[in-house]
Amino acid sequence: MILTSGVVLTGLAQRPAAAQTSAADKDLIFRTTEPRNGEPELAKLVQGWITPNKHFFVRSHAPNPEIDPAEFRLHVDGFVRRPLTLRLDELAQFKQHTITATLTCAGNRRIEFNQEAPVGGVQWEAGAIGNATWTGVALADVLQQAGIQEAARHVCFEGLDQIQKGESTIPFGASIPIDKALLSGREIGALLVTKMNGVTLPVDHGFPLRMVVPGYIGARSVKWLGKITVSDRPSKNHYVATAYKIVKQTEALDWAEAGPIYRFLINAAIGSVDEGATLTAGPVELSGYVLPTGIAGAKVERVMVSTDAGQSWTAAELTGETQDYCWRLWKAKVQVTSQTEQLIVRAQDSSGGFMPARVPWNAKGYLQNSWFRLPVQVQ
């Protein structure tokens, strides 16, 4: 079936799993295959400051749409003076920008919440995060051409994916405040991306066009972008109105009273040692990642590692570049003993962000950024 948006759906949901297996799949641990949701092994993830495409986590809510780039059109409407319909070659006429930014799923480390009570959703460990270079057009430039009306307060995005919700089919959607959308110059608030790490955007990451919103959870960086709507309110899409919020209960009133999640929180993990690994007593070299809070100017100030349940801490050395909205890598040499049961990491940043000892449980398992605890055995 060919849709007017230029999407060609070929029954991906009916294909046997083996038909979608590729060499790239071996680079990720897939938590689900329909839709595709995979994360890398942490040891692969922390090998470099830039995450290779093959090791960049994949988060999808429906089978990948197949899009003919020649037929693709981006629609811009809502509170604008000049609604736009743009082909890919027309988008290419705008000034091109390349930025580096970390994307992380709001559900990264979700599996840890299950220690307190079960949570649904993709059971991510700590690999639903990655740092990449993104090339495309500043959202602010497209909105400037469309002409923003004074009533504009939010910019809404819709993907070309087809998500089954009950008896309805909906696209994945998101929105961001207008002030974020209009940032340009040194700090780009949002980018319409066509390239990832210097190559054409992979299908798993939204080919031919996606949003990247630096500093915000990955859910706001809509893949397979097909529509931008300028509005006086946040998107009514399910993934803004009744998902990606922090709630204890999931009744209608709980969703209505909770606000959407925008910025990501500071977070860190150990990548060089597997959970349950057997270590030899003595010095051990560790490495991992740390992501500061998604606020402009926030810098990692400190990463601390403990091998004795938090009684004492060793400062880690930060490596990699320092850029807004990007992670750092870290390394540390610590002493483990026969009493060591866990390796623990915590961090803080210049915005006041810190990793607490415990994060209160929430029904969707979002924003887990408590001390990262890695069980090990020492002999």
Protein backbone atom coordinates (compact mmCIF):
# COMPACT_ATOMS: atom_id res chain seq x y z
CA MET A 1 0.00 0.00 0.00
CA ILE A 2 1.40 3.43 -0.92
CA LEU A 3 0.44 6.31 1.35
CA THR A 4 0.22 9.94 0.23
CA SER A 5 3.05 10.80 2.61
CA GLY A 6 5.42 8.77 0.48
CA VAL A 7 5.62 5.83 2.90
CA VAL A 8 5.59 2.35 1.42
CA LEU A 9 4.54 -0.29 3.92
CA THR A 10 5.51 -3.81 2.94
CA GLY A 11 4.09 -5.85 5.78
CA LEU A 12 7.15 -5.79 8.03
CA ALA A 13 5.07 -7.06 10.94
CA GLN A 14 4.31 -10.24 9.00
CA ARG A 15 7.90 -11.05 8.08
CA PRO A 16 9.58 -13.88 9.98
CA ALA A 17 12.24 -12.67 12.39
CA ALA A 18 15.00 -14.37 10.38
CA ALA A 19 14.17 -12.23 7.35
CA GLN A 20 15.21 -9.11 9.25
CA THR A 21 18.45 -10.46 10.67
CA SER A 22 21.54 -8.74 9.30
CA ALA A 23 25.21 -8.47 10.15
CA ALA A 24 24.46 -5.20 11.94
CA ASP A 25 22.08 -7.00 14.29
CA LYS A 26 25.04 -8.88 15.78
CA ASP A 27 26.46 -5.58 17.03
CA LEU A 28 23.47 -4.98 19.32
CA ILE A 29 21.57 -7.00 21.89
CA PHE A 30 17.96 -6.82 20.73
CA ARG A 31 15.46 -6.63 23.56
CA THR A 32 12.64 -6.84 20.98
CA THR A 33 12.76 -7.44 17.22
CA GLU A 34 9.22 -6.34 16.34
CA PRO A 35 9.68 -3.44 16.74
CA ARG A 36 13.46 -3.19 16.77
CA ASN A 37 14.91 -2.21 20.14
CA GLY A 38 18.56 -2.99 20.77
CA GLU A 39 21.53 -1.81 22.83
CA PRO A 40 25.24 -2.61 22.58
CA GLU A 41 27.37 -4.42 25.09
CA LEU A 42 28.75 -1.77 27.43
CA ALA A 43 32.33 -2.80 26.70
CA LYS A 44 31.77 -1.88 23.04
CA LEU A 45 29.90 1.29 23.93
CA VAL A 46 32.73 2.88 25.91
CA GLN A 47 35.52 2.22 23.40
CA GLY A 48 35.40 5.77 22.05
CA TRP A 49 33.88 9.21 22.57
CA ILE A 50 31.97 8.92 19.27
CA THR A 51 29.66 5.91 19.12
CA PRO A 52 29.86 4.04 15.79
CA ASN A 53 26.49 3.67 14.09
CA LYS A 54 26.65 -0.10 14.50
CA HIS A 55 26.92 0.28 18.29
CA PHE A 56 24.33 3.05 18.65
CA PHE A 57 21.18 1.91 20.45
CA VAL A 58 17.98 1.49 18.41
CA ARG A 59 14.62 2.55 19.86
CA SER A 60 11.47 2.06 17.80
CA HIS A 61 7.76 1.77 18.57
CA ALA A 62 6.72 0.13 15.29
CA PRO A 63 8.32 -1.70 12.37
CA ASN A 64 10.63 0.50 10.31
CA PRO A 65 8.67 2.23 7.53
CA GLU A 66 10.08 1.95 4.02
CA ILE A 67 10.25 5.45 2.54
CA ASP A 68 11.00 6.39 -1.06
CA PRO A 69 13.25 9.46 -0.73
CA ALA A 70 12.14 10.71 -4.16
CA GLU A 71 8.53 10.81 -2.98
CA PHE A 72 9.27 12.08 0.52
CA ARG A 73 7.74 15.39 1.62
CA LEU A 74 8.11 17.23 4.92
CA HIS A 75 5.00 19.22 5.84
CA VAL A 76 5.18 22.32 8.05
CA ASP A 77 1.89 23.81 9.23
CA GLY A 78 0.00 25.17 12.24
CA PHE A 79 0.65 28.67 13.58
CA VAL A 80 2.81 29.71 10.62
CA ARG A 81 2.29 32.39 8.00
CA ARG A 82 3.50 30.25 5.11
CA PRO A 83 2.83 26.48 5.35
CA LEU A 84 5.62 24.53 3.68
CA THR A 85 5.94 21.25 1.80
CA LEU A 86 9.61 20.44 1.35
CA ARG A 87 11.40 17.77 -0.67
CA LEU A 88 14.75 16.47 0.52
CA ASP A 89 16.59 18.45 -2.16
CA GLU A 90 14.80 21.61 -1.00
CA LEU A 91 15.87 20.96 2.57
CA ALA A 92 19.43 20.58 1.29
CA GLN A 93 19.34 24.22 0.13
CA PHE A 94 19.23 25.41 3.74
CA LYS A 95 22.49 26.00 5.59
CA GLN A 96 23.89 22.67 6.75
CA HIS A 97 25.17 22.19 10.29
CA THR A 98 27.09 19.37 11.96
CA ILE A 99 26.81 19.01 15.72
CA THR A 100 27.82 16.38 18.24
CA ALA A 101 25.19 15.33 20.76
CA THR A 102 24.38 12.40 23.00
CA LEU A 103 21.00 10.74 22.72
CA THR A 104 19.70 8.62 25.57
CA CYS A 105 16.42 6.84 26.06
CA ALA A 106 14.33 7.98 29.02
CA GLY A 107 14.16 4.28 29.92
CA ASN A 108 17.91 3.70 30.02
CA ARG A 109 18.70 1.41 33.01
CA ARG A 110 14.97 0.65 33.35
CA ILE A 111 15.68 -2.96 34.31
CA GLU A 112 16.99 -1.78 37.69
CA PHE A 113 13.54 -0.57 38.75
CA ASN A 114 12.34 -4.18 38.68
CA GLN A 115 14.28 -4.83 41.87
CA GLU A 116 11.58 -2.84 43.66
CA ALA A 117 8.47 -3.62 41.59
CA PRO A 118 7.83 -4.73 37.99
CA VAL A 119 7.84 -2.11 35.23
CA GLY A 120 6.80 -2.56 31.62
CA GLY A 121 8.50 -1.30 28.50
CA VAL A 122 11.78 -2.29 26.88
CA GLN A 123 13.98 -3.80 29.56
CA TRP A 124 17.04 -1.68 28.94
CA GLU A 125 20.26 -2.16 30.82
CA ALA A 126 22.69 0.79 30.63
CA GLY A 127 23.36 0.78 26.87
CA ALA A 128 20.42 2.86 25.60
CA ILE A 129 22.72 5.82 25.05
CA GLY A 130 25.19 6.97 22.41
CA ASN A 131 27.17 9.99 21.23
CA ALA A 132 27.27 10.84 17.52
CA THR A 133 27.76 13.63 15.02
CA TRP A 134 24.57 14.75 13.29
CA THR A 135 24.34 16.74 10.06
CA GLY A 136 21.29 18.60 8.83
CA VAL A 137 19.23 21.79 8.93
CA ALA A 138 18.50 23.90 11.97
CA LEU A 139 14.81 23.71 12.87
CA ALA A 140 14.98 27.45 13.56
CA ASP A 141 15.86 28.13 9.91
CA VAL A 142 12.89 26.13 8.61
CA LEU A 143 10.55 27.83 11.06
CA GLN A 144 11.90 31.22 10.03
CA GLN A 145 11.04 30.49 6.41
CA ALA A 146 7.55 29.39 7.44
CA GLY A 147 7.06 32.49 9.59
CA ILE A 148 6.05 31.96 13.21
CA GLN A 149 2.84 33.51 14.49
CA GLU A 150 2.75 35.21 17.89
CA ALA A 151 0.52 32.53 19.43
CA ALA A 152 3.21 29.85 18.90
CA ARG A 153 4.36 28.17 22.11
CA HIS A 154 5.35 24.63 21.07
CA VAL A 155 6.59 22.81 17.98
CA CYS A 156 5.13 19.34 17.39
CA PHE A 157 6.68 16.51 15.37
CA GLU A 158 5.13 13.42 13.78
CA GLY A 159 6.94 10.40 12.35
CA LEU A 160 5.91 8.31 9.37
CA ASP A 161 5.91 5.09 11.38
CA GLN A 162 2.63 3.29 11.98
CA ILE A 163 2.10 2.29 15.63
CA GLN A 164 -0.76 0.02 16.61
CA LYS A 165 -2.49 1.34 19.75
CA GLY A 166 -5.55 -0.76 20.49
CA GLU A 167 -7.75 -0.52 17.42
CA SER A 168 -6.07 2.66 16.19
CA THR A 169 -2.91 3.33 14.21
CA ILE A 170 -0.92 6.41 15.18
CA PRO A 171 2.48 7.92 14.37
CA PHE A 172 5.12 8.47 17.00
CA GLY A 173 5.01 12.11 18.05
CA ALA A 174 6.73 14.66 20.25
CA SER A 175 6.88 18.38 20.92
CA ILE A 176 9.32 20.88 22.35
CA PRO A 177 8.86 24.44 23.66
CA ILE A 178 9.13 27.14 20.99
CA ASP A 179 12.08 28.79 22.76
CA LYS A 180 14.10 25.57 22.41
CA ALA A 181 13.05 25.17 18.78
CA LEU A 182 14.16 28.69 17.83
CA LEU A 183 17.68 28.43 19.27
CA SER A 184 20.28 28.87 16.53
CA GLY A 185 23.81 30.07 16.03
CA ARG A 186 26.30 28.69 18.57
CA GLU A 187 23.62 26.59 20.29
CA ILE A 188 21.24 24.84 17.92
CA GLY A 189 18.04 23.88 19.73
CA ALA A 190 17.00 21.18 17.27
CA LEU A 191 18.33 19.78 14.01
CA LEU A 192 16.55 18.12 11.08
CA VAL A 193 19.10 15.39 10.45
CA THR A 194 19.97 13.56 7.22
CA LYS A 195 23.43 12.21 8.17
CA MET A 196 24.76 10.36 11.22
CA ASN A 197 28.52 10.17 11.80
CA GLY A 198 29.12 11.43 8.27
CA VAL A 199 27.00 8.89 6.39
CA THR A 200 23.40 8.79 5.23
CA LEU A 201 21.07 8.32 8.17
CA PRO A 202 20.54 4.56 8.69
CA VAL A 203 16.99 3.24 8.44
CA ASP A 204 17.03 2.17 12.10
CA HIS A 205 17.81 5.76 13.01
CA GLY A 206 15.13 7.44 10.92
CA PHE A 207 16.08 7.57 7.23
CA PRO A 208 15.60 9.82 5.40
CA LEU A 209 14.95 12.53 8.03
CA ARG A 210 14.78 12.71 11.81
CA MET A 211 14.85 15.29 14.58
CA VAL A 212 17.75 15.55 17.00
CA VAL A 213 17.04 17.69 20.07
CA PRO A 214 20.26 18.08 22.09
CA GLY A 215 19.81 17.84 25.86
CA TYR A 216 16.37 16.21 25.65
CA ILE A 217 15.45 12.56 26.08
CA GLY A 218 15.58 10.54 22.88
CA ALA A 219 11.79 10.38 22.63
CA ARG A 220 11.76 14.04 21.56
CA SER A 221 14.08 13.28 18.61
CA VAL A 222 11.41 11.84 16.32
CA LYS A 223 12.58 9.43 13.62
CA TRP A 224 11.22 9.21 10.04
CA LEU A 225 10.03 12.79 10.44
CA GLY A 226 7.11 13.66 8.18
CA LYS A 227 5.33 16.62 9.76
CA ILE A 228 6.09 19.68 11.87
CA THR A 229 3.19 21.58 13.41
CA VAL A 230 3.60 24.85 15.27
CA SER A 231 1.06 25.03 18.09
CA ASP A 232 -0.05 26.99 21.14
CA ARG A 233 0.19 23.86 23.31
CA PRO A 234 2.17 20.62 23.63
CA SER A 235 1.43 17.82 21.19
CA LYS A 236 -1.72 15.78 21.77
CA ASN A 237 0.12 12.69 20.52
CA HIS A 238 0.02 9.74 22.93
CA TYR A 239 3.78 9.87 23.46
CA VAL A 240 3.53 13.37 24.90
CA ALA A 241 0.05 13.44 26.43
CA THR A 242 0.01 10.01 28.09
CA ALA A 243 3.54 8.62 27.92
CA TYR A 244 7.07 9.72 28.76
CA LYS A 245 5.93 11.19 32.06
CA ILE A 246 6.86 10.29 35.63
CA VAL A 247 3.82 8.70 37.33
CA LYS A 248 3.32 6.29 40.21
CA GLN A 249 -0.12 5.22 38.99
CA THR A 250 -1.39 5.07 35.43
CA GLU A 251 -4.94 6.37 35.79
CA ALA A 252 -6.10 9.14 33.45
CA LEU A 253 -5.77 11.80 36.15
CA ASP A 254 -2.19 10.78 36.91
CA TRP A 255 -1.22 11.23 33.26
CA ALA A 256 -3.09 14.54 33.02
CA GLU A 257 -1.41 15.99 36.09
CA ALA A 258 2.13 14.98 35.16
CA GLY A 259 4.23 17.09 32.81
CA PRO A 260 6.19 15.71 29.83
CA ILE A 261 9.84 14.80 30.34
CA TYR A 262 12.19 17.03 28.39
CA ARG A 263 15.80 17.24 29.63
CA PHE A 264 17.77 14.13 30.47
CA LEU A 265 19.42 13.75 33.88
CA ILE A 266 23.04 13.17 34.76
CA ASN A 267 23.91 9.48 34.51
CA ALA A 268 26.91 7.16 34.50
CA ALA A 269 27.83 3.50 34.14
CA ILE A 270 30.76 1.09 34.21
CA GLY A 271 31.48 -0.50 30.85
CA SER A 272 34.73 -2.42 31.25
CA VAL A 273 33.51 -5.16 33.61
CA ASP A 274 30.53 -7.45 33.07
CA GLU A 275 27.87 -7.94 35.71
CA GLY A 276 28.76 -10.91 37.91
CA ALA A 277 32.37 -10.98 36.72
CA THR A 278 34.96 -12.74 38.87
CA LEU A 279 37.85 -10.43 39.72
CA THR A 280 41.17 -11.07 41.42
CA ALA A 281 41.78 -9.17 44.65
CA GLY A 282 44.02 -6.17 44.09
CA PRO A 283 44.06 -3.25 41.65
CA VAL A 284 41.46 -3.19 38.88
CA GLU A 285 41.22 -0.70 36.02
CA LEU A 286 37.69 0.45 35.24
CA SER A 287 36.16 2.64 32.55
CA GLY A 288 32.74 3.88 31.63
CA TYR A 289 30.63 6.83 30.51
CA VAL A 290 29.12 9.83 32.29
CA LEU A 291 26.47 12.16 30.84
CA PRO A 292 25.87 15.58 32.44
CA THR A 293 22.37 17.03 32.83
CA GLY A 294 20.85 18.23 29.53
CA ILE A 295 21.33 21.92 30.28
CA ALA A 296 23.47 24.23 28.17
CA GLY A 297 26.83 24.68 29.80
CA ALA A 298 26.52 21.73 32.20
CA LYS A 299 29.90 20.05 32.62
CA VAL A 300 30.85 16.87 34.45
CA GLU A 301 32.66 17.89 37.63
CA ARG A 302 33.30 14.59 39.34
CA VAL A 303 32.99 10.83 38.86
CA MET A 304 33.58 8.72 41.94
CA VAL A 305 34.00 4.94 42.25
CA SER A 306 33.58 2.79 45.37
CA THR A 307 34.43 -0.85 46.01
CA ASP A 308 33.31 -0.95 49.66
CA ALA A 309 29.59 -0.13 49.52
CA GLY A 310 30.16 3.62 49.50
CA GLN A 311 32.33 3.87 52.61
CA SER A 312 35.21 5.32 50.57
CA TRP A 313 35.48 6.72 47.05
CA THR A 314 38.15 7.02 44.36
CA ALA A 315 38.04 9.91 41.89
CA ALA A 316 37.99 8.88 38.23
CA GLU A 317 39.89 10.60 35.42
CA LEU A 318 37.71 12.13 32.72
CA THR A 319 38.64 11.52 29.06
CA GLY A 320 37.19 12.56 25.71
CA GLU A 321 36.08 16.01 24.65
CA THR A 322 33.97 18.48 26.62
CA GLN A 323 30.97 19.74 24.66
CA ASP A 324 27.47 20.79 25.60
CA TYR A 325 24.95 17.94 25.56
CA CYS A 326 27.68 15.31 25.20
CA TRP A 327 28.89 12.55 27.47
CA ARG A 328 32.42 12.11 28.76
CA LEU A 329 34.28 8.86 29.20
CA TRP A 330 36.14 8.08 32.42
CA LYS A 331 38.70 5.65 33.80
CA ALA A 332 39.85 4.77 37.30
CA LYS A 333 42.15 2.32 39.10
CA VAL A 334 40.60 0.91 42.26
CA GLN A 335 41.39 -1.77 44.81
CA VAL A 336 39.00 -4.72 45.20
CA THR A 337 39.10 -7.13 48.12
CA SER A 338 37.36 -10.32 49.17
CA GLN A 339 34.77 -8.05 50.81
CA THR A 340 33.87 -6.30 47.54
CA GLU A 341 30.41 -7.27 46.34
CA GLN A 342 29.67 -4.32 44.08
CA LEU A 343 31.45 -1.69 42.04
CA ILE A 344 29.58 1.60 42.48
CA VAL A 345 29.74 4.79 40.41
CA ARG A 346 28.22 8.19 41.13
CA ALA A 347 28.73 11.59 39.49
CA GLN A 348 27.85 15.27 39.69
CA ASP A 349 27.93 18.20 37.27
CA SER A 350 28.25 21.99 37.24
CA SER A 351 24.48 22.54 36.97
CA GLY A 352 23.91 20.96 40.38
CA GLY A 353 22.92 17.63 38.88
CA PHE A 354 23.95 14.56 40.85
CA MET A 355 23.26 10.85 40.96
CA PRO A 356 21.36 9.97 44.16
CA ALA A 357 21.82 6.74 46.10
CA ARG A 358 18.28 5.76 45.16
CA VAL A 359 15.67 6.96 42.64
CA PRO A 360 12.00 6.58 43.64
CA TRP A 361 10.21 3.91 41.61
CA ASN A 362 7.88 5.06 38.83
CA ALA A 363 5.38 3.06 36.82
CA LYS A 364 7.12 3.45 33.44
CA GLY A 365 10.70 3.07 34.62
CA TYR A 366 11.95 6.43 33.39
CA LEU A 367 15.05 8.45 34.38
CA GLN A 368 16.87 5.83 36.42
CA ASN A 369 20.03 7.65 37.47
CA SER A 370 20.78 6.33 40.94
CA TRP A 371 24.29 5.17 41.82
CA PHE A 372 25.26 2.58 39.23
CA ARG A 373 25.87 -0.68 41.10
CA LEU A 374 27.62 -3.57 39.36
CA PRO A 375 27.64 -6.90 41.24
CA VAL A 376 30.97 -8.76 41.07
CA GLN A 377 32.78 -11.59 42.79
CA VAL A 378 36.34 -11.34 44.08
CA GLN A 379 38.69 -14.25 44.68
